[in-house]
């Protein structure tokens, strides 16, 4: 079985200048967890929900780290107020984020005529959950770990 047999040919993409809020809306509406990032028709990155969560954790730790003098709290109420302040600060920063701020710039790709086993090895080797499928320098599909699993299960049937 080849990559082209199981890849997603109808690729949902986002732009580098899109807001993270727009990204979330696209991913939710399409029921996907990530997408290639295009600029002038070229793939310049890949972004996923994991990238957003990772950045949220970085931001949260920045704010928590800057308030070390507030601990230990005298009361649970004070701790709750402090957590609310951190959440508000992170939410305010999140409104300024763009896809380009979160995306993975090192794009992993594969050819549509590559064997599915090769794609599985690439996913494992690079510890990623999706590969962009490129042919002649053009984006022709997207291959996720779920697509690979579906392909392997179909081979067994």
N, C-alpha and C. Protein backbone atom coordinates (compact mmCIF):
# COMPACT_ATOMS: atom_id res chain seq x y z
N UNK A 1 0.85 -1.18 0.00
CA UNK A 1 0.00 0.00 0.00
C UNK A 1 0.89 1.24 0.00
N UNK A 2 0.45 2.26 -0.73
CA UNK A 2 1.20 3.50 -0.87
C UNK A 2 0.56 4.63 -0.07
N UNK A 3 1.36 5.68 0.16
CA UNK A 3 0.87 6.85 0.88
C UNK A 3 -0.38 7.40 0.21
N UNK A 4 -0.37 7.48 -1.13
CA UNK A 4 -1.50 8.06 -1.85
C UNK A 4 -2.81 7.29 -1.62
N UNK A 5 -2.70 6.03 -1.22
CA UNK A 5 -3.89 5.21 -1.00
C UNK A 5 -4.64 5.58 0.28
N UNK A 6 -3.95 6.21 1.22
CA UNK A 6 -4.59 6.52 2.51
C UNK A 6 -4.49 7.99 2.92
N UNK A 7 -3.74 8.79 2.17
CA UNK A 7 -3.55 10.21 2.54
C UNK A 7 -4.86 10.98 2.40
N UNK A 8 -4.89 12.12 3.05
CA UNK A 8 -6.01 13.06 2.92
C UNK A 8 -5.67 14.00 1.77
N UNK A 9 -6.40 13.87 0.67
CA UNK A 9 -6.11 14.71 -0.51
C UNK A 9 -6.74 16.09 -0.38
N UNK A 10 -7.81 16.20 0.36
CA UNK A 10 -8.48 17.48 0.58
C UNK A 10 -7.88 18.10 1.84
N UNK A 11 -6.79 18.83 1.67
CA UNK A 11 -6.00 19.33 2.80
C UNK A 11 -6.55 20.66 3.32
N UNK A 12 -6.77 20.69 4.62
CA UNK A 12 -7.13 21.93 5.30
C UNK A 12 -5.83 22.59 5.72
N UNK A 13 -5.66 23.85 5.33
CA UNK A 13 -4.43 24.57 5.70
C UNK A 13 -4.78 25.89 6.37
N UNK A 14 -3.77 26.47 7.00
CA UNK A 14 -3.91 27.80 7.61
C UNK A 14 -2.77 28.66 7.12
N UNK A 15 -2.86 29.95 7.40
CA UNK A 15 -1.82 30.90 7.01
C UNK A 15 -1.02 31.32 8.23
N UNK A 16 0.22 31.68 8.01
CA UNK A 16 1.11 32.06 9.11
C UNK A 16 0.57 33.25 9.89
N UNK A 17 -0.12 34.17 9.24
CA UNK A 17 -0.61 35.36 9.93
C UNK A 17 -1.96 35.15 10.61
N UNK A 18 -2.58 33.98 10.44
CA UNK A 18 -3.85 33.69 11.11
C UNK A 18 -3.67 33.75 12.63
N UNK A 19 -4.72 34.15 13.31
CA UNK A 19 -4.68 34.17 14.78
C UNK A 19 -4.83 32.74 15.30
N UNK A 20 -4.41 32.54 16.52
CA UNK A 20 -4.57 31.23 17.15
C UNK A 20 -6.06 30.94 17.36
N UNK A 21 -6.84 31.97 17.59
CA UNK A 21 -8.29 31.79 17.71
C UNK A 21 -8.87 31.25 16.40
N UNK A 22 -8.43 31.81 15.26
CA UNK A 22 -8.89 31.31 13.96
C UNK A 22 -8.44 29.87 13.76
N UNK A 23 -7.20 29.58 14.13
CA UNK A 23 -6.68 28.21 14.04
C UNK A 23 -7.57 27.25 14.81
N UNK A 24 -7.90 27.62 16.04
CA UNK A 24 -8.75 26.77 16.87
C UNK A 24 -10.12 26.55 16.21
N UNK A 25 -10.68 27.60 15.64
CA UNK A 25 -11.98 27.48 14.97
C UNK A 25 -11.89 26.52 13.78
N UNK A 26 -10.84 26.64 12.99
CA UNK A 26 -10.66 25.76 11.82
C UNK A 26 -10.49 24.31 12.26
N UNK A 27 -9.61 24.08 13.23
CA UNK A 27 -9.36 22.72 13.69
C UNK A 27 -10.63 22.11 14.28
N UNK A 28 -11.38 22.89 15.04
CA UNK A 28 -12.61 22.39 15.65
C UNK A 28 -13.67 22.10 14.59
N UNK A 29 -13.87 23.03 13.68
CA UNK A 29 -14.90 22.87 12.64
C UNK A 29 -14.61 21.67 11.74
N UNK A 30 -13.35 21.47 11.41
CA UNK A 30 -12.96 20.37 10.52
C UNK A 30 -12.68 19.07 11.27
N UNK A 31 -12.71 19.14 12.61
CA UNK A 31 -12.46 17.98 13.46
C UNK A 31 -11.11 17.33 13.17
N UNK A 32 -10.07 18.19 13.15
CA UNK A 32 -8.70 17.75 12.94
C UNK A 32 -7.82 18.31 14.05
N UNK A 33 -6.61 17.81 14.15
CA UNK A 33 -5.73 18.25 15.23
C UNK A 33 -4.54 19.08 14.75
N UNK A 34 -4.38 19.22 13.45
CA UNK A 34 -3.26 19.99 12.94
C UNK A 34 -3.42 20.25 11.46
N UNK A 35 -2.57 21.17 10.95
CA UNK A 35 -2.66 21.55 9.55
C UNK A 35 -1.34 22.13 9.06
N UNK A 36 -1.08 22.00 7.76
CA UNK A 36 0.08 22.68 7.20
C UNK A 36 -0.15 24.19 7.18
N UNK A 37 0.93 24.93 7.25
CA UNK A 37 0.88 26.39 7.20
C UNK A 37 1.42 26.81 5.84
N UNK A 38 0.59 27.56 5.10
CA UNK A 38 0.97 27.99 3.76
C UNK A 38 1.23 29.48 3.70
N UNK A 39 2.19 29.84 2.84
CA UNK A 39 2.47 31.24 2.55
C UNK A 39 2.81 31.31 1.06
N UNK A 40 2.02 32.08 0.33
CA UNK A 40 2.18 32.18 -1.13
C UNK A 40 2.18 30.80 -1.79
N UNK A 41 1.31 29.92 -1.29
CA UNK A 41 1.17 28.58 -1.87
C UNK A 41 2.25 27.59 -1.47
N UNK A 42 3.21 28.02 -0.68
CA UNK A 42 4.28 27.13 -0.22
C UNK A 42 4.04 26.69 1.21
N UNK A 43 4.43 25.46 1.51
CA UNK A 43 4.34 24.96 2.88
C UNK A 43 5.54 25.50 3.65
N UNK A 44 5.25 26.28 4.71
CA UNK A 44 6.35 26.86 5.51
C UNK A 44 6.37 26.32 6.92
N UNK A 45 5.40 25.47 7.26
CA UNK A 45 5.36 24.92 8.60
C UNK A 45 4.17 24.01 8.78
N UNK A 46 4.07 23.46 9.98
CA UNK A 46 2.93 22.64 10.38
C UNK A 46 2.58 23.07 11.79
N UNK A 47 1.28 23.18 12.07
CA UNK A 47 0.84 23.59 13.40
C UNK A 47 -0.20 22.61 13.91
N UNK A 48 -0.19 22.38 15.21
CA UNK A 48 -1.13 21.42 15.80
C UNK A 48 -1.64 21.94 17.14
N UNK A 49 -2.65 21.27 17.64
CA UNK A 49 -3.15 21.61 18.98
C UNK A 49 -2.04 21.44 20.02
N UNK A 50 -1.18 20.48 19.82
CA UNK A 50 -0.06 20.27 20.74
C UNK A 50 0.83 21.51 20.81
N UNK A 51 1.04 22.18 19.68
CA UNK A 51 1.84 23.40 19.67
C UNK A 51 1.18 24.49 20.51
N UNK A 52 -0.14 24.58 20.43
CA UNK A 52 -0.87 25.58 21.21
C UNK A 52 -0.75 25.26 22.70
N UNK A 53 -0.97 24.01 23.06
CA UNK A 53 -0.89 23.61 24.47
C UNK A 53 0.52 23.85 25.01
N UNK A 54 1.51 23.52 24.22
CA UNK A 54 2.91 23.72 24.64
C UNK A 54 3.16 25.20 24.93
N UNK A 55 2.68 26.08 24.05
CA UNK A 55 2.89 27.52 24.25
C UNK A 55 2.11 28.03 25.47
N UNK A 56 0.92 27.48 25.68
CA UNK A 56 0.15 27.85 26.88
C UNK A 56 0.93 27.51 28.14
N UNK A 57 1.56 26.35 28.15
CA UNK A 57 2.34 25.93 29.32
C UNK A 57 3.55 26.84 29.52
N UNK A 58 4.20 27.23 28.44
CA UNK A 58 5.34 28.15 28.54
C UNK A 58 4.89 29.47 29.12
N UNK A 59 3.79 30.00 28.60
CA UNK A 59 3.28 31.29 29.10
C UNK A 59 2.87 31.20 30.56
N UNK A 60 2.16 30.13 30.91
CA UNK A 60 1.72 29.96 32.29
C UNK A 60 2.91 29.91 33.24
N UNK A 61 3.94 29.17 32.85
CA UNK A 61 5.11 29.05 33.73
C UNK A 61 5.85 30.38 33.83
N UNK A 62 5.82 31.19 32.77
CA UNK A 62 6.44 32.51 32.83
C UNK A 62 5.77 33.38 33.89
N UNK A 63 4.44 33.40 33.85
CA UNK A 63 3.71 34.22 34.81
C UNK A 63 3.83 33.66 36.22
N UNK A 64 3.75 32.35 36.34
CA UNK A 64 3.88 31.75 37.67
C UNK A 64 5.27 31.98 38.23
N UNK A 65 6.26 31.86 37.36
CA UNK A 65 7.64 32.05 37.79
C UNK A 65 7.92 33.48 38.22
N UNK A 66 7.22 34.44 37.60
CA UNK A 66 7.47 35.84 37.95
C UNK A 66 6.77 36.23 39.25
N UNK A 67 5.93 35.35 39.79
CA UNK A 67 5.20 35.67 41.01
C UNK A 67 5.62 34.77 42.18
N UNK A 68 6.84 34.34 42.17
CA UNK A 68 7.30 33.41 43.19
C UNK A 68 7.17 33.99 44.60
N UNK A 69 7.28 35.30 44.70
CA UNK A 69 7.23 35.93 46.02
C UNK A 69 5.83 35.87 46.65
N UNK A 70 4.83 35.51 45.84
CA UNK A 70 3.46 35.40 46.38
C UNK A 70 3.24 34.09 47.12
N UNK A 71 4.15 33.14 46.97
CA UNK A 71 3.97 31.85 47.63
C UNK A 71 4.79 31.80 48.90
N UNK A 72 4.52 31.05 49.90
CA UNK A 72 3.29 30.26 50.01
C UNK A 72 2.11 31.16 50.37
N UNK A 73 0.96 30.73 49.95
CA UNK A 73 -0.25 31.51 50.19
C UNK A 73 -0.75 31.26 51.60
N UNK A 74 -1.30 32.29 52.17
CA UNK A 74 -1.87 32.16 53.51
C UNK A 74 -3.19 31.42 53.47
N UNK A 75 -3.91 31.54 52.35
CA UNK A 75 -5.23 30.93 52.28
C UNK A 75 -5.44 30.31 50.90
N UNK A 76 -6.40 29.40 50.83
CA UNK A 76 -6.78 28.84 49.53
C UNK A 76 -7.38 29.91 48.64
N UNK A 77 -8.05 30.88 49.26
CA UNK A 77 -8.66 31.96 48.49
C UNK A 77 -7.59 32.77 47.76
N UNK A 78 -6.49 33.07 48.44
CA UNK A 78 -5.39 33.82 47.83
C UNK A 78 -4.79 33.03 46.67
N UNK A 79 -4.64 31.73 46.87
CA UNK A 79 -4.10 30.88 45.80
C UNK A 79 -5.02 30.89 44.59
N UNK A 80 -6.32 30.83 44.84
CA UNK A 80 -7.30 30.86 43.75
C UNK A 80 -7.27 32.17 42.99
N UNK A 81 -7.14 33.28 43.71
CA UNK A 81 -7.07 34.59 43.06
C UNK A 81 -5.81 34.70 42.20
N UNK A 82 -4.70 34.18 42.72
CA UNK A 82 -3.45 34.23 41.99
C UNK A 82 -3.56 33.41 40.71
N UNK A 83 -4.16 32.22 40.78
CA UNK A 83 -4.34 31.39 39.59
C UNK A 83 -5.22 32.09 38.56
N UNK A 84 -6.26 32.78 39.03
CA UNK A 84 -7.15 33.52 38.13
C UNK A 84 -6.38 34.64 37.43
N UNK A 85 -5.50 35.33 38.17
CA UNK A 85 -4.69 36.39 37.56
C UNK A 85 -3.77 35.83 36.49
N UNK A 86 -3.16 34.69 36.76
CA UNK A 86 -2.29 34.05 35.78
C UNK A 86 -3.10 33.68 34.54
N UNK A 87 -4.27 33.09 34.73
CA UNK A 87 -5.11 32.70 33.60
C UNK A 87 -5.51 33.89 32.75
N UNK A 88 -5.87 34.99 33.39
CA UNK A 88 -6.24 36.21 32.66
C UNK A 88 -5.06 36.76 31.88
N UNK A 89 -3.89 36.75 32.49
CA UNK A 89 -2.69 37.27 31.82
C UNK A 89 -2.34 36.42 30.61
N UNK A 90 -2.43 35.11 30.76
CA UNK A 90 -2.13 34.20 29.64
C UNK A 90 -3.16 34.39 28.54
N UNK A 91 -4.43 34.51 28.89
CA UNK A 91 -5.49 34.72 27.90
C UNK A 91 -5.27 36.01 27.12
N UNK A 92 -4.83 37.05 27.80
CA UNK A 92 -4.57 38.32 27.13
C UNK A 92 -3.41 38.19 26.14
N UNK A 93 -2.37 37.48 26.55
CA UNK A 93 -1.23 37.25 25.64
C UNK A 93 -1.64 36.39 24.46
N UNK A 94 -2.48 35.41 24.71
CA UNK A 94 -2.89 34.47 23.66
C UNK A 94 -3.60 35.20 22.51
N UNK A 95 -4.30 36.28 22.81
CA UNK A 95 -4.99 37.04 21.77
C UNK A 95 -4.02 37.64 20.75
N UNK A 96 -2.76 37.79 21.13
CA UNK A 96 -1.77 38.38 20.22
C UNK A 96 -1.03 37.33 19.39
N UNK A 97 -1.18 36.07 19.73
CA UNK A 97 -0.42 35.02 19.04
C UNK A 97 -0.91 34.83 17.61
N UNK A 98 0.03 34.53 16.75
CA UNK A 98 -0.26 34.16 15.36
C UNK A 98 0.26 32.74 15.15
N UNK A 99 -0.25 32.10 14.13
CA UNK A 99 0.16 30.73 13.81
C UNK A 99 1.67 30.67 13.66
N UNK A 100 2.28 31.67 13.04
CA UNK A 100 3.74 31.67 12.83
C UNK A 100 4.52 31.60 14.15
N UNK A 101 3.90 32.07 15.24
CA UNK A 101 4.57 32.05 16.55
C UNK A 101 4.62 30.64 17.16
N UNK A 102 3.74 29.76 16.70
CA UNK A 102 3.61 28.44 17.31
C UNK A 102 4.02 27.29 16.40
N UNK A 103 3.98 27.52 15.11
CA UNK A 103 4.16 26.42 14.15
C UNK A 103 5.55 25.80 14.24
N UNK A 104 5.62 24.56 13.82
CA UNK A 104 6.89 23.87 13.66
C UNK A 104 7.39 24.21 12.27
N UNK A 105 8.56 24.80 12.20
CA UNK A 105 9.08 25.26 10.91
C UNK A 105 9.76 24.15 10.12
N UNK A 106 10.20 23.13 10.81
CA UNK A 106 10.85 22.00 10.13
C UNK A 106 9.77 21.04 9.63
N UNK A 107 9.46 21.16 8.35
CA UNK A 107 8.37 20.39 7.74
C UNK A 107 8.89 19.01 7.33
N UNK A 108 8.19 17.99 7.77
CA UNK A 108 8.51 16.61 7.37
C UNK A 108 7.57 16.24 6.24
N UNK A 109 8.15 15.76 5.14
CA UNK A 109 7.32 15.44 3.98
C UNK A 109 7.64 14.05 3.45
N UNK A 110 6.75 13.59 2.59
CA UNK A 110 6.91 12.29 1.96
C UNK A 110 6.23 12.35 0.60
N UNK A 111 6.67 11.50 -0.31
CA UNK A 111 6.09 11.43 -1.65
C UNK A 111 4.84 10.55 -1.65
N UNK A 112 3.89 10.84 -2.52
CA UNK A 112 2.65 10.05 -2.54
C UNK A 112 2.88 8.59 -2.94
N UNK A 113 3.95 8.33 -3.68
CA UNK A 113 4.23 6.95 -4.12
C UNK A 113 5.13 6.18 -3.16
N UNK A 114 5.41 6.75 -2.00
CA UNK A 114 6.22 6.06 -1.00
C UNK A 114 5.37 4.96 -0.35
N UNK A 115 6.02 3.84 -0.01
CA UNK A 115 5.28 2.77 0.68
C UNK A 115 4.81 3.25 2.06
N UNK A 116 3.68 2.74 2.48
CA UNK A 116 3.11 3.13 3.77
C UNK A 116 4.07 2.81 4.92
N UNK A 117 4.82 1.73 4.81
CA UNK A 117 5.79 1.36 5.85
C UNK A 117 6.86 2.44 5.99
N UNK A 118 7.28 3.02 4.88
CA UNK A 118 8.27 4.10 4.93
C UNK A 118 7.70 5.32 5.67
N UNK A 119 6.44 5.62 5.40
CA UNK A 119 5.78 6.74 6.09
C UNK A 119 5.73 6.48 7.59
N UNK A 120 5.40 5.25 7.97
CA UNK A 120 5.34 4.90 9.39
C UNK A 120 6.71 5.08 10.04
N UNK A 121 7.76 4.66 9.35
CA UNK A 121 9.12 4.83 9.88
C UNK A 121 9.47 6.30 10.04
N UNK A 122 9.07 7.14 9.09
CA UNK A 122 9.33 8.58 9.18
C UNK A 122 8.60 9.21 10.36
N UNK A 123 7.35 8.84 10.55
CA UNK A 123 6.59 9.36 11.68
C UNK A 123 7.26 8.99 13.00
N UNK A 124 7.68 7.74 13.11
CA UNK A 124 8.35 7.29 14.33
C UNK A 124 9.71 7.94 14.52
N UNK A 125 10.48 7.99 13.45
CA UNK A 125 11.84 8.54 13.51
C UNK A 125 11.84 10.00 13.98
N UNK A 126 10.90 10.78 13.47
CA UNK A 126 10.88 12.20 13.78
C UNK A 126 9.89 12.57 14.89
N UNK A 127 9.21 11.54 15.41
CA UNK A 127 8.26 11.73 16.52
C UNK A 127 7.22 12.81 16.20
N UNK A 128 6.60 12.66 15.02
CA UNK A 128 5.56 13.59 14.58
C UNK A 128 4.29 12.79 14.30
N UNK A 129 3.17 13.51 14.20
CA UNK A 129 1.89 12.85 13.97
C UNK A 129 1.34 13.09 12.57
N UNK A 130 2.06 13.86 11.76
CA UNK A 130 1.60 14.08 10.40
C UNK A 130 2.78 14.41 9.49
N UNK A 131 2.64 14.00 8.25
CA UNK A 131 3.61 14.31 7.21
C UNK A 131 2.87 15.02 6.09
N UNK A 132 3.48 16.06 5.53
CA UNK A 132 2.88 16.66 4.34
C UNK A 132 3.30 15.81 3.15
N UNK A 133 2.38 15.61 2.24
CA UNK A 133 2.65 14.80 1.06
C UNK A 133 2.92 15.76 -0.09
N UNK A 134 4.14 15.68 -0.63
CA UNK A 134 4.59 16.61 -1.67
C UNK A 134 4.92 15.86 -2.95
N UNK A 135 4.55 16.49 -4.06
CA UNK A 135 4.88 15.92 -5.37
C UNK A 135 5.26 17.07 -6.29
N UNK A 136 6.48 17.02 -6.81
CA UNK A 136 6.95 18.10 -7.67
C UNK A 136 6.95 19.45 -7.00
N UNK A 137 7.21 19.49 -5.71
CA UNK A 137 7.24 20.74 -4.96
C UNK A 137 5.88 21.26 -4.54
N UNK A 138 4.82 20.53 -4.89
CA UNK A 138 3.46 20.98 -4.55
C UNK A 138 2.86 20.10 -3.47
N UNK A 139 2.06 20.72 -2.61
CA UNK A 139 1.34 19.99 -1.57
C UNK A 139 0.18 19.25 -2.22
N UNK A 140 0.17 17.91 -2.07
CA UNK A 140 -0.90 17.11 -2.68
C UNK A 140 -1.70 16.33 -1.64
N UNK A 141 -1.24 16.36 -0.39
CA UNK A 141 -1.98 15.64 0.64
C UNK A 141 -1.35 15.78 2.00
N UNK A 142 -2.00 15.17 2.96
CA UNK A 142 -1.53 15.14 4.34
C UNK A 142 -1.71 13.73 4.84
N UNK A 143 -0.74 13.22 5.55
CA UNK A 143 -0.79 11.86 6.08
C UNK A 143 -0.61 11.92 7.59
N UNK A 144 -1.60 11.41 8.31
CA UNK A 144 -1.53 11.41 9.77
C UNK A 144 -1.28 9.99 10.28
N UNK A 145 -0.98 9.90 11.55
CA UNK A 145 -0.78 8.58 12.15
C UNK A 145 -2.06 7.74 12.02
N UNK A 146 -3.20 8.39 12.13
CA UNK A 146 -4.48 7.66 11.99
C UNK A 146 -4.64 7.12 10.58
N UNK A 147 -4.20 7.88 9.57
CA UNK A 147 -4.27 7.41 8.19
C UNK A 147 -3.41 6.16 8.01
N UNK A 148 -2.23 6.18 8.61
CA UNK A 148 -1.32 5.02 8.51
C UNK A 148 -1.95 3.80 9.19
N UNK A 149 -2.50 4.00 10.36
CA UNK A 149 -3.17 2.89 11.06
C UNK A 149 -4.31 2.32 10.23
N UNK A 150 -5.12 3.22 9.65
CA UNK A 150 -6.23 2.78 8.79
C UNK A 150 -5.71 1.94 7.63
N UNK A 151 -4.61 2.39 7.05
CA UNK A 151 -4.01 1.66 5.93
C UNK A 151 -3.53 0.28 6.34
N UNK A 152 -2.84 0.20 7.46
CA UNK A 152 -2.35 -1.10 7.93
C UNK A 152 -3.51 -2.03 8.28
N UNK A 153 -4.56 -1.50 8.86
CA UNK A 153 -5.74 -2.33 9.19
C UNK A 153 -6.42 -2.82 7.93
N UNK A 154 -6.48 -1.97 6.90
CA UNK A 154 -7.10 -2.37 5.63
C UNK A 154 -6.31 -3.47 4.95
N UNK A 155 -4.97 -3.43 5.08
CA UNK A 155 -4.13 -4.47 4.50
C UNK A 155 -4.39 -5.82 5.14
N UNK A 156 -4.71 -5.81 6.44
CA UNK A 156 -4.95 -7.05 7.18
C UNK A 156 -6.32 -7.64 6.88
N UNK A 157 -7.22 -6.82 6.37
CA UNK A 157 -8.61 -7.29 6.15
C UNK A 157 -8.72 -8.18 4.93
